[in-house]
């Protein structure tokens, strides 16, 4: 079942199955190497005394000479330091998928508005890891995840993860 969903997702974002590999976050830090760039994905959870889960996803590069270099993410023309992931017993309001490509690293961030049990359209933001080779004309950071595409689900969903699976399967047809 997971292989079918992964295949559908790969087809939906326009790349052949052999051209990318899904990245599963480890318990806390996942090391990623892509095109000579070594980075780490930090996956954390905020503990609450309720059934809702609040997670955060942050990317950074280690620095032997000082603090780590954070790799921001461009969402709606603004750079953010962390992707906020929220879920509860009813539904996930947001979720993500990460893929290693021949050309680099791609993230898909799914989110919807509303309360936990609401059903709404889900927005998918596609981001790719990019280096800024021209800081004079581009005000982006030296290294960041840049938004390359954005689309909205055709129907309403309660769960952002299920929306990602369903919409990608729909695009496969």
Foldseek 3Di string as FASTA:
>chain_A
DVVVLLCLLCVLVPHHPVFKDWDDDDPAWDWDDAPNATKIWGKAWDDDPAQKIKIKIWMWACDPVDHIGTAWEQDPNDTDGIDIWMAGPQATQKDKIWMQGNHFIKMWIKGDDDDQNDWDKIKIWIWTWDADPCCPVDVDDRIYTYTDDMDIQPTTDNYRVVSSSVRSNVSSD
